[in-house]
């Protein structure tokens, strides 16, 4: 599931470049770069619910786009690091532990596999938003 998520999302992610990170569907929408950074931050931050540690700071969850996604290199590093966190989680979690509960402020107490699935859905959802911004939007400063 993780490998497929990475492949599917890469189609949108790989279209991002310094010119396209500023694309938005409209003035109120977040930029493609902001959404991409948000994906990287959330993968790393959600890893903390699984007991992983991170130095990644939230700049996007619950925030408006003020240019946080303008550094494409930094955002790519966050996404790569996030996928590494998830890969380590998959490789080091015994099967039985996926059914154990984890407490979250968003969903309450849920099985680990449900939170993991949500992370993958979240990535895909936002990759779709990036694709829409790149195909239907325009650069708005």
Protein backbone atom coordinates (compact mmCIF):
# COMPACT_ATOMS: atom_id res chain seq x y z
CA UNK A 1 0.00 0.00 0.00
CA UNK A 2 2.80 2.38 0.88
CA UNK A 3 4.72 1.69 -2.33
CA UNK A 4 1.57 2.24 -4.39
CA UNK A 5 0.84 5.50 -2.60
CA UNK A 6 4.33 6.74 -3.36
CA UNK A 7 4.05 5.82 -7.03
CA UNK A 8 0.55 7.28 -7.46
CA UNK A 9 1.39 10.54 -5.71
CA UNK A 10 4.69 10.90 -7.59
CA UNK A 11 2.84 11.77 -10.79
CA UNK A 12 1.69 15.04 -9.20
CA UNK A 13 4.77 15.57 -7.05
CA UNK A 14 7.17 15.24 -9.98
CA UNK A 15 5.39 18.03 -11.88
CA UNK A 16 6.27 20.53 -9.17
CA UNK A 17 9.06 22.93 -9.98
CA UNK A 18 9.99 26.47 -8.96
CA UNK A 19 7.51 27.85 -11.51
CA UNK A 20 4.55 25.61 -10.64
CA UNK A 21 4.72 25.70 -6.82
CA UNK A 22 2.82 29.00 -6.86
CA UNK A 23 -0.12 27.63 -8.89
CA UNK A 24 -3.55 27.85 -7.21
CA UNK A 25 -7.06 27.12 -8.36
CA UNK A 26 -8.18 30.56 -7.17
CA UNK A 27 -7.10 33.38 -4.87
CA UNK A 28 -8.45 31.66 -1.74
CA UNK A 29 -6.96 28.24 -2.46
CA UNK A 30 -3.60 27.13 -1.13
CA UNK A 31 -0.74 26.95 -3.60
CA UNK A 32 0.57 23.66 -4.93
CA UNK A 33 3.80 24.28 -3.00
CA UNK A 34 1.95 24.85 0.28
CA UNK A 35 -0.05 21.64 -0.18
CA UNK A 36 3.12 19.69 -0.99
CA UNK A 37 4.86 20.98 2.13
CA UNK A 38 1.73 20.11 4.14
CA UNK A 39 1.97 16.51 2.95
CA UNK A 40 5.61 16.29 4.06
CA UNK A 41 4.91 17.85 7.43
CA UNK A 42 1.91 15.68 8.21
CA UNK A 43 3.63 12.40 7.36
CA UNK A 44 6.40 13.27 9.79
CA UNK A 45 4.12 14.69 12.48
CA UNK A 46 1.61 11.83 12.29
CA UNK A 47 4.54 9.48 12.84
CA UNK A 48 4.68 10.76 16.41
CA UNK A 49 1.37 8.97 17.11
CA UNK A 50 3.25 5.75 16.37
CA UNK A 51 6.02 6.66 18.80
CA UNK A 52 8.42 8.05 16.20
CA UNK A 53 10.30 11.26 17.01
CA UNK A 54 10.73 14.20 14.70
CA UNK A 55 12.19 17.67 14.60
CA UNK A 56 9.71 18.72 11.89
CA UNK A 57 7.63 21.74 12.91
CA UNK A 58 4.06 22.35 11.83
CA UNK A 59 3.75 25.37 9.56
CA UNK A 60 0.73 24.25 7.51
CA UNK A 61 -1.85 22.33 9.56
CA UNK A 62 -4.57 24.78 10.49
CA UNK A 63 -2.61 27.59 8.85
CA UNK A 64 -3.17 29.69 5.75
CA UNK A 65 -0.76 29.83 2.86
CA UNK A 66 1.74 32.60 3.53
CA UNK A 67 4.45 31.19 1.30
CA UNK A 68 5.44 28.23 3.48
CA UNK A 69 5.75 26.05 0.36
CA UNK A 70 8.06 28.33 -1.59
CA UNK A 71 11.20 26.29 -0.85
CA UNK A 72 10.73 23.26 -3.09
CA UNK A 73 13.99 21.62 -2.02
CA UNK A 74 13.01 21.78 1.64
CA UNK A 75 9.52 20.44 0.90
CA UNK A 76 10.93 17.56 -1.15
CA UNK A 77 13.18 16.67 1.79
CA UNK A 78 10.15 16.67 4.13
CA UNK A 79 8.21 14.35 1.80
CA UNK A 80 11.20 12.01 1.36
CA UNK A 81 11.74 11.96 5.12
CA UNK A 82 8.03 11.31 5.66
CA UNK A 83 8.02 8.33 3.33
CA UNK A 84 11.12 7.02 5.11
CA UNK A 85 9.29 7.32 8.46
CA UNK A 86 6.38 5.33 7.03
CA UNK A 87 8.70 2.75 5.47
CA UNK A 88 10.48 2.26 8.80
CA UNK A 89 7.10 1.93 10.51
CA UNK A 90 5.97 -0.76 8.07
CA UNK A 91 9.26 -2.65 8.30
CA UNK A 92 9.46 -2.54 12.09
CA UNK A 93 5.86 -3.03 13.23
CA UNK A 94 4.83 -6.61 13.97
CA UNK A 95 1.54 -7.59 12.31
CA UNK A 96 -0.37 -7.86 15.60
CA UNK A 97 0.57 -4.29 16.58
CA UNK A 98 -1.35 -2.82 13.63
CA UNK A 99 -4.59 -3.58 15.50
CA UNK A 100 -3.44 -1.91 18.73
CA UNK A 101 -5.08 1.41 19.61
CA UNK A 102 -3.40 4.77 19.15
CA UNK A 103 -4.70 8.04 20.57
CA UNK A 104 -5.10 10.98 18.21
CA UNK A 105 -6.55 14.45 18.72
CA UNK A 106 -8.32 14.19 15.36
CA UNK A 107 -10.08 10.81 15.48
CA UNK A 108 -9.89 9.78 19.12
CA UNK A 109 -8.57 6.29 19.81
CA UNK A 110 -8.33 4.18 16.67
CA UNK A 111 -6.37 1.12 15.52
CA UNK A 112 -2.89 1.87 14.19
CA UNK A 113 -3.80 0.51 10.75
CA UNK A 114 -6.65 3.00 10.48
CA UNK A 115 -4.33 5.93 11.20
CA UNK A 116 -1.77 4.56 8.74
CA UNK A 117 -4.50 4.23 6.09
CA UNK A 118 -5.62 7.78 6.77
CA UNK A 119 -2.09 9.08 6.17
CA UNK A 120 -2.03 7.37 2.76
CA UNK A 121 -5.49 8.70 1.90
CA UNK A 122 -4.40 12.17 3.02
CA UNK A 123 -1.38 12.02 0.70
CA UNK A 124 -3.53 10.92 -2.24
CA UNK A 125 -6.21 13.53 -1.56
CA UNK A 126 -3.69 16.36 -1.54
CA UNK A 127 -1.79 14.96 -4.54
CA UNK A 128 -5.10 15.28 -6.39
CA UNK A 129 -5.38 18.89 -5.27
CA UNK A 130 -1.86 19.56 -6.54
CA UNK A 131 -2.76 17.98 -9.89
CA UNK A 132 -5.84 20.17 -10.16
CA UNK A 133 -3.89 23.31 -9.29
CA UNK A 134 -1.26 22.48 -11.89
CA UNK A 135 -3.73 21.61 -14.66
CA UNK A 136 -6.54 24.10 -14.01
CA UNK A 137 -4.94 26.83 -11.94
CA UNK A 138 -2.48 29.57 -12.56
CA UNK A 139 0.34 31.25 -10.71
CA UNK A 140 -1.06 33.70 -8.19
CA UNK A 141 1.23 35.64 -5.88
